[in-house]
Amino acid sequence: MHAGFIFLLVIVGSVLFHIFTPWWWTDIASNWGAMDDTINLTFWIGGGVFILVCLFMVYCILKFSYKEGRKVEYKPEDHKLERILTIATTVGVIALLAPGLVVYNNYINVPKNALEIEVSAWQWGWQYRLPGEDGILGTAQVRKISDENPFGINLDDPNGKDDILIQSDELHIKTDRPVKILLRSLDVLHNFYVPQFRAKMDAIPGIISYYWFEPNKVGEYEVLCAEYCGVGHYAMRAVVIVDSEQDYQNWINEQETFSDLIAKQNNNKLKITRIAKNDN
């Protein structure tokens, strides 16, 4: 009897803790409020089943506790109960999956005005490529990556000449502008995850995966790799900064384009050639 009442107190305490807990999700930094809705749905359905199962166990403890002279009923099958549980489980699974399919469909249907940003993952860091003034990312291939061409941009593609190259752990994006993240892995499986955006996706070698979000809150957010990728996985972190229009433009103006990189490399080669000639 005492065990039943203790179990009942555990159930009540669990529900009260959820209602009055001071810990909750961080502020939404993108348009994916639907992510939280699906999490809430999962909680209420899963939590409801948890409460019902626990109450049933309390009932069994109180109802069928040992009494001298009571005989055990042997009932190996109960077709009615099996049908009820099968139907209830089916309805519960559909209720959990259907909203998630709708959210995921929106997750990969990118708005036409989204800004494409290529995120390249490698052991153990990130680098980014943004379109230049033409608004189009040039084509690139992993096999073309070298010290002179760290992003593997095709030299014959004119759209890549003005691409903006970010070889650092800090990415800036503009508030209230949809962003399409193009994920490319240079070695093993990674995952680009910004918890506040409710957005993540695997970066898979050999393909370009993608998703989109719309940042609507200025601030600084941490990027994590959410897929174990080796001994340096724990340190594979970066920062995404959501800027206002003016701050974003100021940052863009300070960045190097692919044409700038090529020109700088040519100048360095010319200097080296001149030095070599003078030495001779």
C-alpha atoms as a PDB file:
ATOM      1  CA  MET A   1       0.000   0.000   0.000  1.00  0.00           C
ATOM      2  CA  HIS A   2       2.768   2.423   0.926  1.00  0.00           C
ATOM      3  CA  ALA A   3       4.585   1.695  -2.353  1.00  0.00           C
ATOM      4  CA  GLY A   4       1.456   2.665  -4.311  1.00  0.00           C
ATOM      5  CA  PHE A   5       1.154   6.035  -2.575  1.00  0.00           C
ATOM      6  CA  ILE A   6       4.883   6.750  -3.059  1.00  0.00           C
ATOM      7  CA  PHE A   7       4.558   5.958  -6.756  1.00  0.00           C
ATOM      8  CA  LEU A   8       1.564   8.303  -6.962  1.00  0.00           C
ATOM      9  CA  LEU A   9       3.613  11.093  -5.378  1.00  0.00           C
ATOM     10  CA  VAL A  10       6.337  10.541  -8.016  1.00  0.00           C
ATOM     11  CA  ILE A  11       3.741  11.033 -10.787  1.00  0.00           C
ATOM     12  CA  VAL A  12       2.335  14.213  -9.245  1.00  0.00           C
ATOM     13  CA  GLY A  13       5.845  15.558  -8.611  1.00  0.00           C
ATOM     14  CA  SER A  14       6.873  14.934 -12.240  1.00  0.00           C
ATOM     15  CA  VAL A  15       3.875  16.878 -13.569  1.00  0.00           C
ATOM     16  CA  LEU A  16       4.351  19.778 -11.136  1.00  0.00           C
ATOM     17  CA  PHE A  17       8.064  19.974 -11.981  1.00  0.00           C
ATOM     18  CA  HIS A  18       7.260  20.362 -15.679  1.00  0.00           C
ATOM     19  CA  ILE A  19       4.651  23.063 -15.015  1.00  0.00           C
ATOM     20  CA  PHE A  20       6.744  25.162 -12.613  1.00  0.00           C
ATOM     21  CA  THR A  21      10.289  24.423 -13.837  1.00  0.00           C
ATOM     22  CA  PRO A  22      12.500  27.534 -14.282  1.00  0.00           C
ATOM     23  CA  TRP A  23      14.365  25.819 -17.138  1.00  0.00           C
ATOM     24  CA  TRP A  24      12.831  26.049 -20.568  1.00  0.00           C
ATOM     25  CA  TRP A  25      13.993  26.403 -24.141  1.00  0.00           C
ATOM     26  CA  THR A  26      16.080  29.370 -25.138  1.00  0.00           C
ATOM     27  CA  ASP A  27      14.568  32.205 -27.165  1.00  0.00           C
ATOM     28  CA  ILE A  28      13.622  31.361 -30.706  1.00  0.00           C
ATOM     29  CA  ALA A  29      16.147  32.875 -33.096  1.00  0.00           C
ATOM     30  CA  SER A  30      14.432  31.802 -36.315  1.00  0.00           C
ATOM     31  CA  ASN A  31      11.055  31.067 -37.838  1.00  0.00           C
ATOM     32  CA  TRP A  32      10.970  27.478 -36.648  1.00  0.00           C
ATOM     33  CA  GLY A  33       8.464  27.828 -33.839  1.00  0.00           C
ATOM     34  CA  ALA A  34       6.878  24.716 -35.330  1.00  0.00           C
ATOM     35  CA  MET A  35       9.859  22.763 -34.012  1.00  0.00           C
ATOM     36  CA  ASP A  36       8.843  23.634 -30.468  1.00  0.00           C
ATOM     37  CA  ASP A  37       5.223  22.763 -31.257  1.00  0.00           C
ATOM     38  CA  THR A  38       6.237  19.245 -32.297  1.00  0.00           C
ATOM     39  CA  ILE A  39       8.391  18.898 -29.176  1.00  0.00           C
ATOM     40  CA  ASN A  40       5.432  19.984 -27.042  1.00  0.00           C
ATOM     41  CA  LEU A  41       3.182  17.523 -28.863  1.00  0.00           C
ATOM     42  CA  THR A  42       5.662  14.722 -28.236  1.00  0.00           C
ATOM     43  CA  PHE A  43       5.848  15.710 -24.581  1.00  0.00           C
ATOM     44  CA  TRP A  44       2.084  15.745 -24.031  1.00  0.00           C
ATOM     45  CA  ILE A  45       1.460  12.474 -25.860  1.00  0.00           C
ATOM     46  CA  GLY A  46       4.456  10.732 -24.299  1.00  0.00           C
ATOM     47  CA  GLY A  47       3.770  12.341 -20.944  1.00  0.00           C
ATOM     48  CA  GLY A  48       0.112  11.354 -21.112  1.00  0.00           C
ATOM     49  CA  VAL A  49       1.045   7.732 -21.789  1.00  0.00           C
ATOM     50  CA  PHE A  50       3.582   7.876 -18.941  1.00  0.00           C
ATOM     51  CA  ILE A  51       0.926   9.134 -16.515  1.00  0.00           C
ATOM     52  CA  LEU A  52      -1.663   6.545 -17.633  1.00  0.00           C
ATOM     53  CA  VAL A  53       0.802   3.666 -17.333  1.00  0.00           C
ATOM     54  CA  CYS A  54       1.963   4.851 -13.919  1.00  0.00           C
ATOM     55  CA  LEU A  55      -1.615   5.300 -12.674  1.00  0.00           C
ATOM     56  CA  PHE A  56      -2.425   1.800 -13.917  1.00  0.00           C
ATOM     57  CA  MET A  57       0.542   0.470 -11.956  1.00  0.00           C
ATOM     58  CA  VAL A  58      -0.635   2.327  -8.840  1.00  0.00           C
ATOM     59  CA  TYR A  59      -4.100   0.832  -9.355  1.00  0.00           C
ATOM     60  CA  CYS A  60      -2.628  -2.653  -9.656  1.00  0.00           C
ATOM     61  CA  ILE A  61      -0.546  -2.195  -6.501  1.00  0.00           C
ATOM     62  CA  LEU A  62      -3.544  -1.023  -4.483  1.00  0.00           C
ATOM     63  CA  LYS A  63      -6.126  -3.335  -6.033  1.00  0.00           C
ATOM     64  CA  PHE A  64      -4.143  -6.539  -6.207  1.00  0.00           C
ATOM     65  CA  SER A  65      -1.904  -6.309  -3.173  1.00  0.00           C
ATOM     66  CA  TYR A  66      -1.420  -9.554  -1.293  1.00  0.00           C
ATOM     67  CA  LYS A  67      -4.344 -10.837   0.696  1.00  0.00           C
ATOM     68  CA  GLU A  68      -4.446 -14.159   2.418  1.00  0.00           C
ATOM     69  CA  GLY A  69      -6.676 -16.642   0.618  1.00  0.00           C
ATOM     70  CA  ARG A  70      -6.825 -14.726  -2.695  1.00  0.00           C
ATOM     71  CA  LYS A  71      -6.306 -16.891  -5.794  1.00  0.00           C
ATOM     72  CA  VAL A  72      -4.436 -15.726  -8.861  1.00  0.00           C
ATOM     73  CA  GLU A  73      -6.429 -15.579 -12.105  1.00  0.00           C
ATOM     74  CA  TYR A  74      -4.602 -17.142 -15.062  1.00  0.00           C
ATOM     75  CA  LYS A  75      -5.436 -15.229 -18.232  1.00  0.00           C
ATOM     76  CA  PRO A  76      -2.791 -15.732 -20.941  1.00  0.00           C
ATOM     77  CA  GLU A  77      -4.744 -13.857 -23.652  1.00  0.00           C
ATOM     78  CA  ASP A  78      -7.180 -10.967 -23.842  1.00  0.00           C
ATOM     79  CA  HIS A  79      -8.159 -10.208 -27.446  1.00  0.00           C
ATOM     80  CA  LYS A  80     -10.263  -7.198 -26.528  1.00  0.00           C
ATOM     81  CA  LEU A  81      -7.405  -5.591 -24.606  1.00  0.00           C
ATOM     82  CA  GLU A  82      -4.993  -6.376 -27.449  1.00  0.00           C
ATOM     83  CA  ARG A  83      -7.270  -4.621 -29.973  1.00  0.00           C
ATOM     84  CA  ILE A  84      -7.604  -1.563 -27.735  1.00  0.00           C
ATOM     85  CA  LEU A  85      -3.843  -1.298 -27.211  1.00  0.00           C
ATOM     86  CA  THR A  86      -3.120  -1.814 -30.941  1.00  0.00           C
ATOM     87  CA  ILE A  87      -5.564   0.921 -31.978  1.00  0.00           C
ATOM     88  CA  ALA A  88      -4.382   3.330 -29.262  1.00  0.00           C
ATOM     89  CA  THR A  89      -0.720   2.768 -30.179  1.00  0.00           C
ATOM     90  CA  THR A  90      -1.436   3.303 -33.893  1.00  0.00           C
ATOM     91  CA  VAL A  91      -3.286   6.553 -33.225  1.00  0.00           C
ATOM     92  CA  GLY A  92      -0.478   7.730 -30.941  1.00  0.00           C
ATOM     93  CA  VAL A  93       2.251   6.993 -33.504  1.00  0.00           C
ATOM     94  CA  ILE A  94       0.291   8.778 -36.260  1.00  0.00           C
ATOM     95  CA  ALA A  95      -0.251  11.771 -33.972  1.00  0.00           C
ATOM     96  CA  LEU A  96       3.497  11.925 -33.339  1.00  0.00           C
ATOM     97  CA  LEU A  97       4.665  11.422 -36.934  1.00  0.00           C
ATOM     98  CA  ALA A  98       2.163  13.370 -39.040  1.00  0.00           C
ATOM     99  CA  PRO A  99       2.970  16.878 -37.700  1.00  0.00           C
ATOM    100  CA  GLY A 100       6.692  16.114 -37.995  1.00  0.00           C
ATOM    101  CA  LEU A 101       6.290  15.265 -41.687  1.00  0.00           C
ATOM    102  CA  VAL A 102       4.550  18.589 -42.297  1.00  0.00           C
ATOM    103  CA  VAL A 103       7.291  20.499 -40.441  1.00  0.00           C
ATOM    104  CA  TYR A 104      10.045  18.659 -42.320  1.00  0.00           C
ATOM    105  CA  ASN A 105       8.357  19.387 -45.643  1.00  0.00           C
ATOM    106  CA  ASN A 106       8.525  23.112 -44.814  1.00  0.00           C
ATOM    107  CA  TYR A 107      12.076  22.622 -43.579  1.00  0.00           C
ATOM    108  CA  ILE A 108      13.355  21.643 -47.016  1.00  0.00           C
ATOM    109  CA  ASN A 109      11.054  23.790 -49.216  1.00  0.00           C
ATOM    110  CA  VAL A 110      13.238  26.859 -49.525  1.00  0.00           C
ATOM    111  CA  PRO A 111      11.763  30.323 -50.263  1.00  0.00           C
ATOM    112  CA  LYS A 112      12.816  31.826 -53.588  1.00  0.00           C
ATOM    113  CA  ASN A 113      14.386  34.868 -51.934  1.00  0.00           C
ATOM    114  CA  ALA A 114      16.656  32.804 -49.646  1.00  0.00           C
ATOM    115  CA  LEU A 115      20.360  33.661 -49.577  1.00  0.00           C
ATOM    116  CA  GLU A 116      22.505  30.594 -50.273  1.00  0.00           C
ATOM    117  CA  ILE A 117      25.453  30.015 -47.941  1.00  0.00           C
ATOM    118  CA  GLU A 118      27.813  27.100 -48.396  1.00  0.00           C
ATOM    119  CA  VAL A 119      29.046  25.570 -45.144  1.00  0.00           C
ATOM    120  CA  SER A 120      32.103  23.353 -45.534  1.00  0.00           C
ATOM    121  CA  ALA A 121      32.873  21.025 -42.648  1.00  0.00           C
ATOM    122  CA  TRP A 122      36.245  19.411 -42.023  1.00  0.00           C
ATOM    123  CA  GLN A 123      38.069  17.799 -39.121  1.00  0.00           C
ATOM    124  CA  TRP A 124      37.660  19.889 -37.029  1.00  0.00           C
ATOM    125  CA  GLY A 125      36.310  23.222 -38.148  1.00  0.00           C
ATOM    126  CA  TRP A 126      34.069  25.204 -40.463  1.00  0.00           C
ATOM    127  CA  GLN A 127      34.498  27.548 -43.409  1.00  0.00           C
ATOM    128  CA  TYR A 128      31.873  29.439 -45.392  1.00  0.00           C
ATOM    129  CA  ARG A 129      31.233  30.732 -48.897  1.00  0.00           C
ATOM    130  CA  LEU A 130      28.688  33.424 -49.736  1.00  0.00           C
ATOM    131  CA  PRO A 131      27.566  34.731 -53.136  1.00  0.00           C
ATOM    132  CA  GLY A 132      29.019  38.051 -54.280  1.00  0.00           C
ATOM    133  CA  GLU A 133      27.307  40.898 -56.081  1.00  0.00           C
ATOM    134  CA  ASP A 134      25.790  38.593 -58.704  1.00  0.00           C
ATOM    135  CA  GLY A 135      23.914  36.738 -55.945  1.00  0.00           C
ATOM    136  CA  ILE A 136      24.956  33.345 -57.347  1.00  0.00           C
ATOM    137  CA  LEU A 137      27.405  30.874 -55.846  1.00  0.00           C
ATOM    138  CA  GLY A 138      29.951  29.510 -58.280  1.00  0.00           C
ATOM    139  CA  THR A 139      30.212  25.762 -58.710  1.00  0.00           C
ATOM    140  CA  ALA A 140      32.821  23.894 -56.693  1.00  0.00           C
ATOM    141  CA  GLN A 141      34.232  20.392 -56.305  1.00  0.00           C
ATOM    142  CA  VAL A 142      36.009  18.814 -53.366  1.00  0.00           C
ATOM    143  CA  ARG A 143      38.669  17.273 -55.630  1.00  0.00           C
ATOM    144  CA  LYS A 144      39.675  20.773 -56.770  1.00  0.00           C
ATOM    145  CA  ILE A 145      40.518  21.890 -53.213  1.00  0.00           C
ATOM    146  CA  SER A 146      44.126  22.949 -52.748  1.00  0.00           C
ATOM    147  CA  ASP A 147      46.174  25.487 -50.809  1.00  0.00           C
ATOM    148  CA  GLU A 148      45.586  28.005 -53.604  1.00  0.00           C
ATOM    149  CA  ASN A 149      41.874  27.113 -53.930  1.00  0.00           C
ATOM    150  CA  PRO A 150      40.670  26.191 -50.399  1.00  0.00           C
ATOM    151  CA  PHE A 151      37.013  25.949 -51.467  1.00  0.00           C
ATOM    152  CA  GLY A 152      37.527  23.992 -54.681  1.00  0.00           C
ATOM    153  CA  ILE A 153      35.846  26.663 -56.826  1.00  0.00           C
ATOM    154  CA  ASN A 154      35.799  25.922 -60.552  1.00  0.00           C
ATOM    155  CA  LEU A 155      38.079  28.476 -62.194  1.00  0.00           C
ATOM    156  CA  ASP A 156      36.072  28.364 -65.424  1.00  0.00           C
ATOM    157  CA  ASP A 157      32.836  29.399 -63.691  1.00  0.00           C
ATOM    158  CA  PRO A 158      32.445  33.215 -63.856  1.00  0.00           C
ATOM    159  CA  ASN A 159      29.862  33.117 -61.034  1.00  0.00           C
ATOM    160  CA  GLY A 160      32.566  32.068 -58.606  1.00  0.00           C
ATOM    161  CA  LYS A 161      34.891  35.031 -59.167  1.00  0.00           C
ATOM    162  CA  ASP A 162      33.038  37.320 -56.755  1.00  0.00           C
ATOM    163  CA  ASP A 163      32.167  34.644 -54.187  1.00  0.00           C
ATOM    164  CA  ILE A 164      32.953  35.761 -50.626  1.00  0.00           C
ATOM    165  CA  LEU A 165      35.267  33.412 -48.744  1.00  0.00           C
ATOM    166  CA  ILE A 166      35.111  33.116 -44.950  1.00  0.00           C
ATOM    167  CA  GLN A 167      38.004  31.057 -43.626  1.00  0.00           C
ATOM    168  CA  SER A 168      37.183  31.557 -39.962  1.00  0.00           C
ATOM    169  CA  ASP A 169      34.805  30.245 -37.313  1.00  0.00           C
ATOM    170  CA  GLU A 170      32.634  33.376 -37.414  1.00  0.00           C
ATOM    171  CA  LEU A 171      29.725  33.670 -39.834  1.00  0.00           C
ATOM    172  CA  HIS A 172      27.438  36.710 -40.100  1.00  0.00           C
ATOM    173  CA  ILE A 173      23.912  36.574 -41.494  1.00  0.00           C
ATOM    174  CA  LYS A 174      21.266  39.233 -41.940  1.00  0.00           C
ATOM    175  CA  THR A 175      18.149  39.401 -39.815  1.00  0.00           C
ATOM    176  CA  ASP A 176      14.734  38.818 -41.416  1.00  0.00           C
ATOM    177  CA  ARG A 177      16.238  37.258 -44.562  1.00  0.00           C
ATOM    178  CA  PRO A 178      15.735  33.555 -45.315  1.00  0.00           C
ATOM    179  CA  VAL A 179      19.000  31.614 -45.477  1.00  0.00           C
ATOM    180  CA  LYS A 180      19.559  28.354 -47.346  1.00  0.00           C
ATOM    181  CA  ILE A 181      22.411  26.375 -45.806  1.00  0.00           C
ATOM    182  CA  LEU A 182      24.280  24.166 -48.294  1.00  0.00           C
ATOM    183  CA  LEU A 183      26.278  21.580 -46.366  1.00  0.00           C
ATOM    184  CA  ARG A 184      29.437  20.009 -47.760  1.00  0.00           C
ATOM    185  CA  SER A 185      31.822  17.689 -45.891  1.00  0.00           C
ATOM    186  CA  LEU A 186      35.473  17.506 -46.906  1.00  0.00           C
ATOM    187  CA  ASP A 187      36.217  14.282 -45.030  1.00  0.00           C
ATOM    188  CA  VAL A 188      33.780  12.478 -42.688  1.00  0.00           C
ATOM    189  CA  LEU A 189      30.215  12.835 -41.437  1.00  0.00           C
ATOM    190  CA  HIS A 190      29.509  16.113 -39.597  1.00  0.00           C
ATOM    191  CA  ASN A 191      26.383  17.987 -38.500  1.00  0.00           C
ATOM    192  CA  PHE A 192      25.811  21.754 -38.552  1.00  0.00           C
ATOM    193  CA  TYR A 193      23.689  22.585 -35.499  1.00  0.00           C
ATOM    194  CA  VAL A 194      22.613  25.930 -34.035  1.00  0.00           C
ATOM    195  CA  PRO A 195      20.376  25.042 -31.052  1.00  0.00           C
ATOM    196  CA  GLN A 196      18.561  28.396 -30.881  1.00  0.00           C
ATOM    197  CA  PHE A 197      17.581  28.125 -34.550  1.00  0.00           C
ATOM    198  CA  ARG A 198      16.004  24.691 -33.974  1.00  0.00           C
ATOM    199  CA  ALA A 199      17.893  23.693 -37.106  1.00  0.00           C
ATOM    200  CA  LYS A 200      20.418  20.980 -37.882  1.00  0.00           C
ATOM    201  CA  MET A 201      21.427  18.760 -40.772  1.00  0.00           C
ATOM    202  CA  ASP A 202      24.141  16.204 -41.518  1.00  0.00           C
ATOM    203  CA  ALA A 203      27.033  17.182 -43.782  1.00  0.00           C
ATOM    204  CA  ILE A 204      27.668  14.007 -45.790  1.00  0.00           C
ATOM    205  CA  PRO A 205      30.776  13.377 -47.908  1.00  0.00           C
ATOM    206  CA  GLY A 206      29.968  13.240 -51.609  1.00  0.00           C
ATOM    207  CA  ILE A 207      26.646  15.103 -51.546  1.00  0.00           C
ATOM    208  CA  ILE A 208      25.320  18.567 -50.726  1.00  0.00           C
ATOM    209  CA  SER A 209      22.536  18.506 -48.127  1.00  0.00           C
ATOM    210  CA  TYR A 210      20.518  21.594 -47.285  1.00  0.00           C
ATOM    211  CA  TYR A 211      17.866  23.242 -45.136  1.00  0.00           C
ATOM    212  CA  TRP A 212      16.712  26.791 -44.501  1.00  0.00           C
ATOM    213  CA  PHE A 213      15.710  29.126 -41.700  1.00  0.00           C
ATOM    214  CA  GLU A 214      14.951  32.810 -41.247  1.00  0.00           C
ATOM    215  CA  PRO A 215      16.804  34.557 -38.397  1.00  0.00           C
ATOM    216  CA  ASN A 216      14.645  37.229 -36.799  1.00  0.00           C
ATOM    217  CA  LYS A 217      16.534  38.075 -33.642  1.00  0.00           C
ATOM    218  CA  VAL A 218      19.850  39.930 -33.598  1.00  0.00           C
ATOM    219  CA  GLY A 219      22.432  38.168 -31.467  1.00  0.00           C
ATOM    220  CA  GLU A 220      25.324  35.735 -31.250  1.00  0.00           C
ATOM    221  CA  TYR A 221      24.700  31.996 -31.385  1.00  0.00           C
ATOM    222  CA  GLU A 222      26.977  28.993 -31.011  1.00  0.00           C
ATOM    223  CA  VAL A 223      27.482  26.449 -33.785  1.00  0.00           C
ATOM    224  CA  LEU A 224      28.048  22.836 -32.747  1.00  0.00           C
ATOM    225  CA  CYS A 225      28.913  19.694 -34.632  1.00  0.00           C
ATOM    226  CA  ALA A 226      26.152  17.282 -33.609  1.00  0.00           C
ATOM    227  CA  GLU A 227      27.653  14.175 -35.230  1.00  0.00           C
ATOM    228  CA  TYR A 228      30.681  12.427 -33.733  1.00  0.00           C
ATOM    229  CA  CYS A 229      33.497  13.012 -36.216  1.00  0.00           C
ATOM    230  CA  GLY A 230      36.693  12.013 -34.416  1.00  0.00           C
ATOM    231  CA  VAL A 231      38.864  12.910 -31.457  1.00  0.00           C
ATOM    232  CA  GLY A 232      38.499  16.666 -32.054  1.00  0.00           C
ATOM    233  CA  HIS A 233      34.695  16.548 -32.238  1.00  0.00           C
ATOM    234  CA  TYR A 234      34.254  18.265 -28.862  1.00  0.00           C
ATOM    235  CA  ALA A 235      36.126  21.356 -30.076  1.00  0.00           C
ATOM    236  CA  MET A 236      34.364  21.708 -33.447  1.00  0.00           C
ATOM    237  CA  ARG A 237      32.520  24.891 -32.581  1.00  0.00           C
ATOM    238  CA  ALA A 238      31.899  28.211 -34.242  1.00  0.00           C
ATOM    239  CA  VAL A 239      29.756  31.340 -33.969  1.00  0.00           C
ATOM    240  CA  VAL A 240      26.857  32.652 -36.041  1.00  0.00           C
ATOM    241  CA  ILE A 241      26.113  36.353 -35.575  1.00  0.00           C
ATOM    242  CA  VAL A 242      22.752  37.712 -36.708  1.00  0.00           C
ATOM    243  CA  ASP A 243      23.234  41.350 -37.742  1.00  0.00           C
ATOM    244  CA  SER A 244      21.058  44.272 -38.632  1.00  0.00           C
ATOM    245  CA  GLU A 245      21.093  45.393 -42.278  1.00  0.00           C
ATOM    246  CA  GLN A 246      23.833  47.989 -41.820  1.00  0.00           C
ATOM    247  CA  ASP A 247      26.083  45.853 -39.604  1.00  0.00           C
ATOM    248  CA  TYR A 248      25.800  42.951 -42.023  1.00  0.00           C
ATOM    249  CA  GLN A 249      26.730  45.138 -44.980  1.00  0.00           C
ATOM    250  CA  ASN A 250      29.728  46.536 -43.112  1.00  0.00           C
ATOM    251  CA  TRP A 251      30.929  43.012 -42.389  1.00  0.00           C
ATOM    252  CA  ILE A 252      30.439  41.901 -46.012  1.00  0.00           C
ATOM    253  CA  ASN A 253      32.475  44.840 -47.278  1.00  0.00           C
ATOM    254  CA  GLU A 254      35.446  43.723 -45.168  1.00  0.00           C
ATOM    255  CA  GLN A 255      35.538  40.174 -46.552  1.00  0.00           C
ATOM    256  CA  GLU A 256      37.766  38.715 -49.248  1.00  0.00           C
ATOM    257  CA  THR A 257      36.381  37.492 -52.574  1.00  0.00           C
ATOM    258  CA  PHE A 258      37.758  34.659 -54.677  1.00  0.00           C
ATOM    259  CA  SER A 259      39.118  37.245 -57.155  1.00  0.00           C
ATOM    260  CA  ASP A 260      40.903  39.014 -54.284  1.00  0.00           C
ATOM    261  CA  LEU A 261      42.452  35.716 -53.203  1.00  0.00           C
ATOM    262  CA  ILE A 262      43.692  34.938 -56.728  1.00  0.00           C
ATOM    263  CA  ALA A 263      45.110  38.457 -57.131  1.00  0.00           C
ATOM    264  CA  LYS A 264      46.902  38.210 -53.785  1.00  0.00           C
ATOM    265  CA  GLN A 265      48.387  34.853 -54.712  1.00  0.00           C
ATOM    266  CA  ASN A 266      49.568  36.180 -58.086  1.00  0.00           C
ATOM    267  CA  ASN A 267      51.179  39.162 -56.374  1.00  0.00           C
ATOM    268  CA  ASN A 268      52.948  36.860 -53.939  1.00  0.00           C
ATOM    269  CA  LYS A 269      54.209  34.686 -56.776  1.00  0.00           C
ATOM    270  CA  LEU A 270      55.446  37.799 -58.618  1.00  0.00           C
ATOM    271  CA  LYS A 271      57.292  38.987 -55.509  1.00  0.00           C
ATOM    272  CA  ILE A 272      58.902  35.587 -55.054  1.00  0.00           C
ATOM    273  CA  THR A 273      59.991  35.583 -58.717  1.00  0.00           C
ATOM    274  CA  ARG A 274      61.531  39.053 -58.393  1.00  0.00           C
ATOM    275  CA  ILE A 275      63.370  38.096 -55.220  1.00  0.00           C
ATOM    276  CA  ALA A 276      64.710  34.969 -56.906  1.00  0.00           C
ATOM    277  CA  LYS A 277      65.932  37.019 -59.882  1.00  0.00           C
ATOM    278  CA  ASN A 278      67.643  39.560 -57.622  1.00  0.00           C
ATOM    279  CA  ASP A 279      69.369  36.785 -55.704  1.00  0.00           C
ATOM    280  CA  ASN A 280      70.712  35.403 -58.956  1.00  0.00           C
END
